[in-house]
Amino acid sequence: MNDLHSSRAEVAVNIVTEAGQIAKRWYENANYRVDAKDDGSPVTQADLEIETFLRAALLEHFPDDAILGEEFGETPGTSGYRWIVDPIDGTKSFVRAVPLYANLIALERDGEVLFGAINLPSAGILVHAEKGGGCWRNGQPTQVSGHDRLEGAYVMATWLEDWRPETIGELTGQGVILRTWGDAYGYAMVASGHADAVVDYTTKAYDLAPMPVIIAEAGGRFTSLDGDPSYDRGSGIASNGLLHDPLLKLVSQAN
């Protein structure tokens, strides 16, 4: 990345870390209202406060950049850069006191993701990457696993409700070990080499925006379930790269 990109990335790491401190305070206090959005998904006071903070902090530093967020939509910009934020990815986990929720932030220019961060404040994990700069977990370089067979592969899923039973049976029949509590946590696990792949059948752009650069810089591969490398196709699969094609062939048949 050039210096202009890197300066944004450095600021973003600080901002998402501070957002995590806000989230952790709400999480530990557990005294907040939970409402349902139009699509039935939950939203809390914490979601709204954190996105408000993220937007204000980013615009303070980069007033000409655009911002897209889960709760407040899009704010246009003129610089050519766009930030994409999800204040709490995994709100269902958050409201049930599961510490695997995350704060997500990504930076793109001309449709290319240049920086991404997954901050899991209650789990004590921060994974971030910038194009050409490697992938980092808590300040240390990290990379995907070297597991090259479906047998024994750990595959994460955010939930199993939208998986066909036949697909689950075929994967487990080949020795795949399926685990849930996915969301952004699954992608952090893949980038860190602790899981071999993660599959999401139903996503929004802000759920996956950081993942292409994080997974690529960790040495893996990210696509949608139709094989497109974009984050905004409504689905996602990230892997160590070695398992991507055989796994994609199986799971893309699930819908």
C-alpha atoms as a PDB file:
ATOM      1  CA  MET A   1       0.000   0.000   0.000  1.00  0.00           C
ATOM      2  CA  ASN A   2       1.106   3.558  -0.496  1.00  0.00           C
ATOM      3  CA  ASP A   3       1.582   5.973   2.388  1.00  0.00           C
ATOM      4  CA  LEU A   4      -1.886   7.469   1.903  1.00  0.00           C
ATOM      5  CA  HIS A   5      -3.531   4.069   2.306  1.00  0.00           C
ATOM      6  CA  SER A   6      -1.285   3.097   5.227  1.00  0.00           C
ATOM      7  CA  SER A   7      -2.023   6.271   7.157  1.00  0.00           C
ATOM      8  CA  ARG A   8      -5.711   5.461   6.917  1.00  0.00           C
ATOM      9  CA  ALA A   9      -5.079   1.888   8.019  1.00  0.00           C
ATOM     10  CA  GLU A  10      -3.092   2.984  11.064  1.00  0.00           C
ATOM     11  CA  VAL A  11      -5.832   5.371  12.158  1.00  0.00           C
ATOM     12  CA  ALA A  12      -8.483   2.709  11.538  1.00  0.00           C
ATOM     13  CA  VAL A  13      -6.779   0.218  13.843  1.00  0.00           C
ATOM     14  CA  ASN A  14      -6.874   2.773  16.648  1.00  0.00           C
ATOM     15  CA  ILE A  15     -10.505   3.654  15.936  1.00  0.00           C
ATOM     16  CA  VAL A  16     -11.739   0.052  15.839  1.00  0.00           C
ATOM     17  CA  THR A  17      -9.828  -0.683  19.049  1.00  0.00           C
ATOM     18  CA  GLU A  18     -11.626   2.190  20.762  1.00  0.00           C
ATOM     19  CA  ALA A  19     -14.941   0.977  19.323  1.00  0.00           C
ATOM     20  CA  GLY A  20     -14.197  -2.375  20.935  1.00  0.00           C
ATOM     21  CA  GLN A  21     -13.807  -0.727  24.326  1.00  0.00           C
ATOM     22  CA  ILE A  22     -17.286   0.796  23.940  1.00  0.00           C
ATOM     23  CA  ALA A  23     -18.704  -2.582  22.915  1.00  0.00           C
ATOM     24  CA  LYS A  24     -17.062  -4.345  25.825  1.00  0.00           C
ATOM     25  CA  ARG A  25     -18.535  -1.880  28.310  1.00  0.00           C
ATOM     26  CA  TRP A  26     -22.029  -2.533  26.958  1.00  0.00           C
ATOM     27  CA  TYR A  27     -21.369  -6.282  26.880  1.00  0.00           C
ATOM     28  CA  GLU A  28     -20.222  -6.434  30.489  1.00  0.00           C
ATOM     29  CA  ASN A  29     -22.969  -4.116  31.709  1.00  0.00           C
ATOM     30  CA  ALA A  30     -25.676  -6.112  29.864  1.00  0.00           C
ATOM     31  CA  ASN A  31     -28.204  -3.372  30.553  1.00  0.00           C
ATOM     32  CA  TYR A  32     -29.532  -2.347  27.166  1.00  0.00           C
ATOM     33  CA  ARG A  33     -32.673  -2.530  25.070  1.00  0.00           C
ATOM     34  CA  VAL A  34     -32.871  -5.019  22.198  1.00  0.00           C
ATOM     35  CA  ASP A  35     -35.153  -4.070  19.306  1.00  0.00           C
ATOM     36  CA  ALA A  36     -36.006  -5.901  16.091  1.00  0.00           C
ATOM     37  CA  LYS A  37     -35.213  -4.339  12.724  1.00  0.00           C
ATOM     38  CA  ASP A  38     -37.475  -4.695   9.699  1.00  0.00           C
ATOM     39  CA  ASP A  39     -35.707  -7.901   8.668  1.00  0.00           C
ATOM     40  CA  GLY A  40     -36.192  -9.402  12.133  1.00  0.00           C
ATOM     41  CA  SER A  41     -32.533  -9.157  13.165  1.00  0.00           C
ATOM     42  CA  PRO A  42     -31.736  -7.634  16.555  1.00  0.00           C
ATOM     43  CA  VAL A  43     -30.295  -4.178  17.129  1.00  0.00           C
ATOM     44  CA  THR A  44     -29.169  -2.767  20.456  1.00  0.00           C
ATOM     45  CA  GLN A  45     -28.222   0.599  21.876  1.00  0.00           C
ATOM     46  CA  ALA A  46     -24.638  -0.619  21.633  1.00  0.00           C
ATOM     47  CA  ASP A  47     -24.903  -1.101  17.847  1.00  0.00           C
ATOM     48  CA  LEU A  48     -26.174   2.444  17.414  1.00  0.00           C
ATOM     49  CA  GLU A  49     -23.664   4.081  19.749  1.00  0.00           C
ATOM     50  CA  ILE A  50     -20.700   2.248  18.247  1.00  0.00           C
ATOM     51  CA  GLU A  51     -21.602   3.062  14.659  1.00  0.00           C
ATOM     52  CA  THR A  52     -22.158   6.695  15.637  1.00  0.00           C
ATOM     53  CA  PHE A  53     -18.684   6.710  17.175  1.00  0.00           C
ATOM     54  CA  LEU A  54     -17.086   4.998  14.168  1.00  0.00           C
ATOM     55  CA  ARG A  55     -18.615   7.473  11.736  1.00  0.00           C
ATOM     56  CA  ALA A  56     -17.661  10.512  13.787  1.00  0.00           C
ATOM     57  CA  ALA A  57     -14.090   9.298  14.323  1.00  0.00           C
ATOM     58  CA  LEU A  58     -13.544   8.427  10.651  1.00  0.00           C
ATOM     59  CA  LEU A  59     -15.020  11.704   9.414  1.00  0.00           C
ATOM     60  CA  GLU A  60     -12.909  13.663  11.891  1.00  0.00           C
ATOM     61  CA  HIS A  61      -9.768  12.233  10.309  1.00  0.00           C
ATOM     62  CA  PHE A  62     -11.000  11.780   6.735  1.00  0.00           C
ATOM     63  CA  PRO A  63     -13.895  14.187   6.117  1.00  0.00           C
ATOM     64  CA  ASP A  64     -13.940  13.567   2.354  1.00  0.00           C
ATOM     65  CA  ASP A  65     -14.252   9.757   2.590  1.00  0.00           C
ATOM     66  CA  ALA A  66     -17.548   7.936   2.094  1.00  0.00           C
ATOM     67  CA  ILE A  67     -18.926   5.623   4.796  1.00  0.00           C
ATOM     68  CA  LEU A  68     -21.307   2.678   4.552  1.00  0.00           C
ATOM     69  CA  GLY A  69     -22.611   1.239   7.820  1.00  0.00           C
ATOM     70  CA  GLU A  70     -25.134  -1.367   8.867  1.00  0.00           C
ATOM     71  CA  GLU A  71     -27.294   0.911  11.000  1.00  0.00           C
ATOM     72  CA  PHE A  72     -27.183   4.306   9.253  1.00  0.00           C
ATOM     73  CA  GLY A  73     -26.632   3.511   5.582  1.00  0.00           C
ATOM     74  CA  GLU A  74     -24.323   5.427   3.284  1.00  0.00           C
ATOM     75  CA  THR A  75     -22.710   8.837   3.634  1.00  0.00           C
ATOM     76  CA  PRO A  76     -21.242   9.961   0.292  1.00  0.00           C
ATOM     77  CA  GLY A  77     -17.710  11.259  -0.090  1.00  0.00           C
ATOM     78  CA  THR A  78     -15.462  12.870  -2.688  1.00  0.00           C
ATOM     79  CA  SER A  79     -12.022  11.335  -2.037  1.00  0.00           C
ATOM     80  CA  GLY A  80     -12.590   8.011  -3.809  1.00  0.00           C
ATOM     81  CA  TYR A  81     -12.177   6.097  -0.545  1.00  0.00           C
ATOM     82  CA  ARG A  82     -15.064   4.370   1.209  1.00  0.00           C
ATOM     83  CA  TRP A  83     -15.180   2.921   4.708  1.00  0.00           C
ATOM     84  CA  ILE A  84     -17.530   0.013   5.436  1.00  0.00           C
ATOM     85  CA  VAL A  85     -18.372  -0.625   9.083  1.00  0.00           C
ATOM     86  CA  ASP A  86     -20.376  -3.119  11.100  1.00  0.00           C
ATOM     87  CA  PRO A  87     -20.557  -1.892  14.701  1.00  0.00           C
ATOM     88  CA  ILE A  88     -21.397  -5.309  16.157  1.00  0.00           C
ATOM     89  CA  ASP A  89     -21.128  -8.304  13.886  1.00  0.00           C
ATOM     90  CA  GLY A  90     -22.809 -11.159  15.696  1.00  0.00           C
ATOM     91  CA  THR A  91     -25.413  -9.195  17.633  1.00  0.00           C
ATOM     92  CA  LYS A  92     -27.232 -12.459  18.405  1.00  0.00           C
ATOM     93  CA  SER A  93     -24.063 -13.662  20.126  1.00  0.00           C
ATOM     94  CA  PHE A  94     -23.643 -10.309  21.862  1.00  0.00           C
ATOM     95  CA  VAL A  95     -27.118 -10.290  23.414  1.00  0.00           C
ATOM     96  CA  ARG A  96     -26.691 -13.874  24.676  1.00  0.00           C
ATOM     97  CA  ALA A  97     -23.347 -13.025  26.341  1.00  0.00           C
ATOM     98  CA  VAL A  98     -21.256 -15.028  23.884  1.00  0.00           C
ATOM     99  CA  PRO A  99     -17.911 -13.202  23.592  1.00  0.00           C
ATOM    100  CA  LEU A 100     -17.466 -13.882  19.860  1.00  0.00           C
ATOM    101  CA  TYR A 101     -19.080 -10.709  18.498  1.00  0.00           C
ATOM    102  CA  ALA A 102     -16.865  -8.331  16.526  1.00  0.00           C
ATOM    103  CA  ASN A 103     -16.412  -4.760  15.355  1.00  0.00           C
ATOM    104  CA  LEU A 104     -15.667  -4.696  11.624  1.00  0.00           C
ATOM    105  CA  ILE A 105     -14.100  -2.009   9.482  1.00  0.00           C
ATOM    106  CA  ALA A 106     -12.863  -2.049   5.897  1.00  0.00           C
ATOM    107  CA  LEU A 107     -11.456   0.498   3.471  1.00  0.00           C
ATOM    108  CA  GLU A 108     -11.963   0.297  -0.272  1.00  0.00           C
ATOM    109  CA  ARG A 109     -11.042   2.386  -3.284  1.00  0.00           C
ATOM    110  CA  ASP A 110     -12.389   1.787  -6.782  1.00  0.00           C
ATOM    111  CA  GLY A 111     -14.096  -1.368  -5.559  1.00  0.00           C
ATOM    112  CA  GLU A 112     -10.904  -2.899  -4.157  1.00  0.00           C
ATOM    113  CA  VAL A 113     -10.606  -3.615  -0.440  1.00  0.00           C
ATOM    114  CA  LEU A 114      -7.297  -2.194   0.770  1.00  0.00           C
ATOM    115  CA  PHE A 115      -7.622  -2.688   4.526  1.00  0.00           C
ATOM    116  CA  GLY A 116      -9.765  -4.729   6.883  1.00  0.00           C
ATOM    117  CA  ALA A 117     -10.011  -5.376  10.601  1.00  0.00           C
ATOM    118  CA  ILE A 118     -11.877  -7.862  12.780  1.00  0.00           C
ATOM    119  CA  ASN A 119     -11.880  -6.763  16.400  1.00  0.00           C
ATOM    120  CA  LEU A 120     -13.190  -9.251  18.974  1.00  0.00           C
ATOM    121  CA  PRO A 121     -12.882  -7.180  22.151  1.00  0.00           C
ATOM    122  CA  SER A 122     -14.339  -9.657  24.646  1.00  0.00           C
ATOM    123  CA  ALA A 123     -12.230 -12.465  23.172  1.00  0.00           C
ATOM    124  CA  GLY A 124      -9.097 -10.306  23.197  1.00  0.00           C
ATOM    125  CA  ILE A 125      -8.403 -10.770  19.473  1.00  0.00           C
ATOM    126  CA  LEU A 126      -7.664  -8.161  16.811  1.00  0.00           C
ATOM    127  CA  VAL A 127      -6.939  -9.374  13.274  1.00  0.00           C
ATOM    128  CA  HIS A 128      -6.172  -6.814  10.589  1.00  0.00           C
ATOM    129  CA  ALA A 129      -4.502  -6.607   7.217  1.00  0.00           C
ATOM    130  CA  GLU A 130      -3.663  -4.103   4.537  1.00  0.00           C
ATOM    131  CA  LYS A 131      -2.921  -4.937   0.942  1.00  0.00           C
ATOM    132  CA  GLY A 132       0.740  -5.800   0.565  1.00  0.00           C
ATOM    133  CA  GLY A 133       1.355  -5.526   4.302  1.00  0.00           C
ATOM    134  CA  GLY A 134       0.541  -9.008   5.562  1.00  0.00           C
ATOM    135  CA  CYS A 135      -2.036 -10.132   8.097  1.00  0.00           C
ATOM    136  CA  TRP A 136      -1.621  -9.511  11.816  1.00  0.00           C
ATOM    137  CA  ARG A 137      -3.216 -10.983  14.927  1.00  0.00           C
ATOM    138  CA  ASN A 138      -2.622  -9.038  18.144  1.00  0.00           C
ATOM    139  CA  GLY A 139       0.490  -7.463  16.654  1.00  0.00           C
ATOM    140  CA  GLN A 140       2.039 -10.696  15.387  1.00  0.00           C
ATOM    141  CA  PRO A 141       2.075 -11.925  11.777  1.00  0.00           C
ATOM    142  CA  THR A 142      -0.416 -14.696  11.146  1.00  0.00           C
ATOM    143  CA  GLN A 143      -1.291 -17.027   8.295  1.00  0.00           C
ATOM    144  CA  VAL A 144      -3.729 -19.701   7.209  1.00  0.00           C
ATOM    145  CA  SER A 145      -3.285 -23.406   7.888  1.00  0.00           C
ATOM    146  CA  GLY A 146      -1.549 -25.878   5.612  1.00  0.00           C
ATOM    147  CA  HIS A 147      -4.243 -28.561   5.870  1.00  0.00           C
ATOM    148  CA  ASP A 148      -4.790 -29.888   2.354  1.00  0.00           C
ATOM    149  CA  ARG A 149      -7.538 -32.526   2.702  1.00  0.00           C
ATOM    150  CA  LEU A 150     -11.244 -32.378   3.447  1.00  0.00           C
ATOM    151  CA  GLU A 151     -10.704 -35.193   5.912  1.00  0.00           C
ATOM    152  CA  GLY A 152      -9.970 -33.589   9.270  1.00  0.00           C
ATOM    153  CA  ALA A 153     -10.617 -30.070   7.998  1.00  0.00           C
ATOM    154  CA  TYR A 154     -12.262 -27.692  10.470  1.00  0.00           C
ATOM    155  CA  VAL A 155     -15.013 -25.782   8.662  1.00  0.00           C
ATOM    156  CA  MET A 156     -16.893 -23.019  10.450  1.00  0.00           C
ATOM    157  CA  ALA A 157     -20.513 -21.972   9.842  1.00  0.00           C
ATOM    158  CA  THR A 158     -22.393 -19.003  11.257  1.00  0.00           C
ATOM    159  CA  TRP A 159     -25.518 -21.148  11.454  1.00  0.00           C
ATOM    160  CA  LEU A 160     -26.759 -24.365   9.890  1.00  0.00           C
ATOM    161  CA  GLU A 161     -30.366 -23.391   9.199  1.00  0.00           C
ATOM    162  CA  ASP A 162     -29.650 -22.572   5.556  1.00  0.00           C
ATOM    163  CA  TRP A 163     -27.529 -25.668   4.898  1.00  0.00           C
ATOM    164  CA  ARG A 164     -29.100 -28.612   3.121  1.00  0.00           C
ATOM    165  CA  PRO A 165     -28.912 -31.753   5.283  1.00  0.00           C
ATOM    166  CA  GLU A 166     -27.491 -33.591   2.274  1.00  0.00           C
ATOM    167  CA  THR A 167     -24.564 -31.183   2.123  1.00  0.00           C
ATOM    168  CA  ILE A 168     -23.854 -31.581   5.825  1.00  0.00           C
ATOM    169  CA  GLY A 169     -24.000 -35.343   5.426  1.00  0.00           C
ATOM    170  CA  GLU A 170     -21.640 -35.315   2.455  1.00  0.00           C
ATOM    171  CA  LEU A 171     -19.108 -33.116   4.246  1.00  0.00           C
ATOM    172  CA  THR A 172     -19.141 -35.090   7.484  1.00  0.00           C
ATOM    173  CA  GLY A 173     -19.014 -38.272   5.441  1.00  0.00           C
ATOM    174  CA  GLN A 174     -15.699 -37.062   4.033  1.00  0.00           C
ATOM    175  CA  GLY A 175     -14.367 -36.367   7.496  1.00  0.00           C
ATOM    176  CA  VAL A 176     -15.001 -32.615   7.654  1.00  0.00           C
ATOM    177  CA  ILE A 177     -15.408 -31.293  11.200  1.00  0.00           C
ATOM    178  CA  LEU A 178     -18.208 -28.686  11.236  1.00  0.00           C
ATOM    179  CA  ARG A 179     -18.331 -26.033  13.948  1.00  0.00           C
ATOM    180  CA  THR A 180     -20.646 -23.042  14.427  1.00  0.00           C
ATOM    181  CA  TRP A 181     -20.426 -19.646  16.186  1.00  0.00           C
ATOM    182  CA  GLY A 182     -19.063 -18.305  12.942  1.00  0.00           C
ATOM    183  CA  ASP A 183     -19.777 -14.690  11.984  1.00  0.00           C
ATOM    184  CA  ALA A 184     -16.529 -12.715  11.770  1.00  0.00           C
ATOM    185  CA  TYR A 185     -14.987 -15.001  14.382  1.00  0.00           C
ATOM    186  CA  GLY A 186     -14.850 -17.790  11.808  1.00  0.00           C
ATOM    187  CA  TYR A 187     -12.877 -15.605   9.407  1.00  0.00           C
ATOM    188  CA  ALA A 188     -10.464 -14.633  12.168  1.00  0.00           C
ATOM    189  CA  MET A 189      -9.993 -18.331  12.894  1.00  0.00           C
ATOM    190  CA  VAL A 190      -9.212 -19.074   9.240  1.00  0.00           C
ATOM    191  CA  ALA A 191      -6.783 -16.139   8.968  1.00  0.00           C
ATOM    192  CA  SER A 192      -5.025 -17.359  12.105  1.00  0.00           C
ATOM    193  CA  GLY A 193      -4.758 -20.983  10.943  1.00  0.00           C
ATOM    194  CA  HIS A 194      -7.027 -22.254  13.731  1.00  0.00           C
ATOM    195  CA  ALA A 195      -9.743 -23.323  11.285  1.00  0.00           C
ATOM    196  CA  ASP A 196      -9.410 -24.287   7.643  1.00  0.00           C
ATOM    197  CA  ALA A 197     -12.516 -22.676   6.136  1.00  0.00           C
ATOM    198  CA  VAL A 198     -15.705 -20.778   6.931  1.00  0.00           C
ATOM    199  CA  VAL A 199     -18.921 -20.770   4.906  1.00  0.00           C
ATOM    200  CA  ASP A 200     -21.710 -18.138   4.966  1.00  0.00           C
ATOM    201  CA  TYR A 201     -24.824 -18.586   2.850  1.00  0.00           C
ATOM    202  CA  THR A 202     -26.568 -15.341   3.792  1.00  0.00           C
ATOM    203  CA  THR A 203     -24.608 -12.106   4.214  1.00  0.00           C
ATOM    204  CA  LYS A 204     -24.669  -8.361   3.720  1.00  0.00           C
ATOM    205  CA  ALA A 205     -21.814  -6.258   2.355  1.00  0.00           C
ATOM    206  CA  TYR A 206     -20.824  -4.956   5.793  1.00  0.00           C
ATOM    207  CA  ASP A 207     -20.559  -8.536   7.143  1.00  0.00           C
ATOM    208  CA  LEU A 208     -17.797  -9.457   4.715  1.00  0.00           C
ATOM    209  CA  ALA A 209     -16.077  -6.267   3.533  1.00  0.00           C
ATOM    210  CA  PRO A 210     -12.869  -6.801   5.577  1.00  0.00           C
ATOM    211  CA  MET A 211     -12.526 -10.464   4.613  1.00  0.00           C
ATOM    212  CA  PRO A 212     -11.012 -10.392   1.100  1.00  0.00           C
ATOM    213  CA  VAL A 213      -7.885  -8.508   2.150  1.00  0.00           C
ATOM    214  CA  ILE A 214      -7.555 -10.251   5.527  1.00  0.00           C
ATOM    215  CA  ILE A 215      -7.782 -13.737   4.054  1.00  0.00           C
ATOM    216  CA  ALA A 216      -5.592 -12.932   1.036  1.00  0.00           C
ATOM    217  CA  GLU A 217      -2.857 -11.363   3.169  1.00  0.00           C
ATOM    218  CA  ALA A 218      -2.941 -14.416   5.455  1.00  0.00           C
ATOM    219  CA  GLY A 219      -2.273 -16.587   2.410  1.00  0.00           C
ATOM    220  CA  GLY A 220      -5.786 -17.889   1.859  1.00  0.00           C
ATOM    221  CA  ARG A 221      -8.635 -17.334  -0.557  1.00  0.00           C
ATOM    222  CA  PHE A 222     -12.006 -15.603  -0.301  1.00  0.00           C
ATOM    223  CA  THR A 223     -14.937 -15.776  -2.735  1.00  0.00           C
ATOM    224  CA  SER A 224     -18.704 -15.765  -2.754  1.00  0.00           C
ATOM    225  CA  LEU A 225     -20.441 -19.122  -3.114  1.00  0.00           C
ATOM    226  CA  ASP A 226     -20.675 -18.502  -6.848  1.00  0.00           C
ATOM    227  CA  GLY A 227     -16.897 -18.134  -7.005  1.00  0.00           C
ATOM    228  CA  ASP A 228     -16.750 -14.346  -7.334  1.00  0.00           C
ATOM    229  CA  PRO A 229     -13.970 -12.629  -5.307  1.00  0.00           C
ATOM    230  CA  SER A 230     -16.318  -9.827  -4.205  1.00  0.00           C
ATOM    231  CA  TYR A 231     -17.664  -9.353  -0.673  1.00  0.00           C
ATOM    232  CA  ASP A 232     -21.076  -8.066  -1.749  1.00  0.00           C
ATOM    233  CA  ARG A 233     -22.598 -11.061  -3.530  1.00  0.00           C
ATOM    234  CA  GLY A 234     -24.717 -12.147  -0.554  1.00  0.00           C
ATOM    235  CA  SER A 235     -22.561 -15.090   0.513  1.00  0.00           C
ATOM    236  CA  GLY A 236     -18.975 -15.899   1.380  1.00  0.00           C
ATOM    237  CA  ILE A 237     -16.460 -18.681   1.741  1.00  0.00           C
ATOM    238  CA  ALA A 238     -12.950 -18.222   3.077  1.00  0.00           C
ATOM    239  CA  SER A 239     -10.359 -20.958   3.204  1.00  0.00           C
ATOM    240  CA  ASN A 240      -6.665 -21.658   3.433  1.00  0.00           C
ATOM    241  CA  GLY A 241      -6.747 -21.835  -0.373  1.00  0.00           C
ATOM    242  CA  LEU A 242      -5.798 -25.499  -0.506  1.00  0.00           C
ATOM    243  CA  LEU A 243      -9.352 -26.614   0.260  1.00  0.00           C
ATOM    244  CA  HIS A 244     -11.215 -23.885  -1.547  1.00  0.00           C
ATOM    245  CA  ASP A 245     -12.184 -25.541  -4.809  1.00  0.00           C
ATOM    246  CA  PRO A 246     -13.227 -28.956  -3.447  1.00  0.00           C
ATOM    247  CA  LEU A 247     -15.137 -27.366  -0.574  1.00  0.00           C
ATOM    248  CA  LEU A 248     -16.787 -24.785  -2.833  1.00  0.00           C
ATOM    249  CA  LYS A 249     -17.926 -27.555  -5.169  1.00  0.00           C
ATOM    250  CA  LEU A 250     -19.739 -29.238  -2.288  1.00  0.00           C
ATOM    251  CA  VAL A 251     -21.215 -26.301  -0.404  1.00  0.00           C
ATOM    252  CA  SER A 252     -22.324 -24.310  -3.455  1.00  0.00           C
ATOM    253  CA  GLN A 253     -24.882 -27.062  -4.052  1.00  0.00           C
ATOM    254  CA  ALA A 254     -26.584 -26.369  -0.725  1.00  0.00           C
ATOM    255  CA  ASN A 255     -28.995 -23.772  -2.118  1.00  0.00           C
END
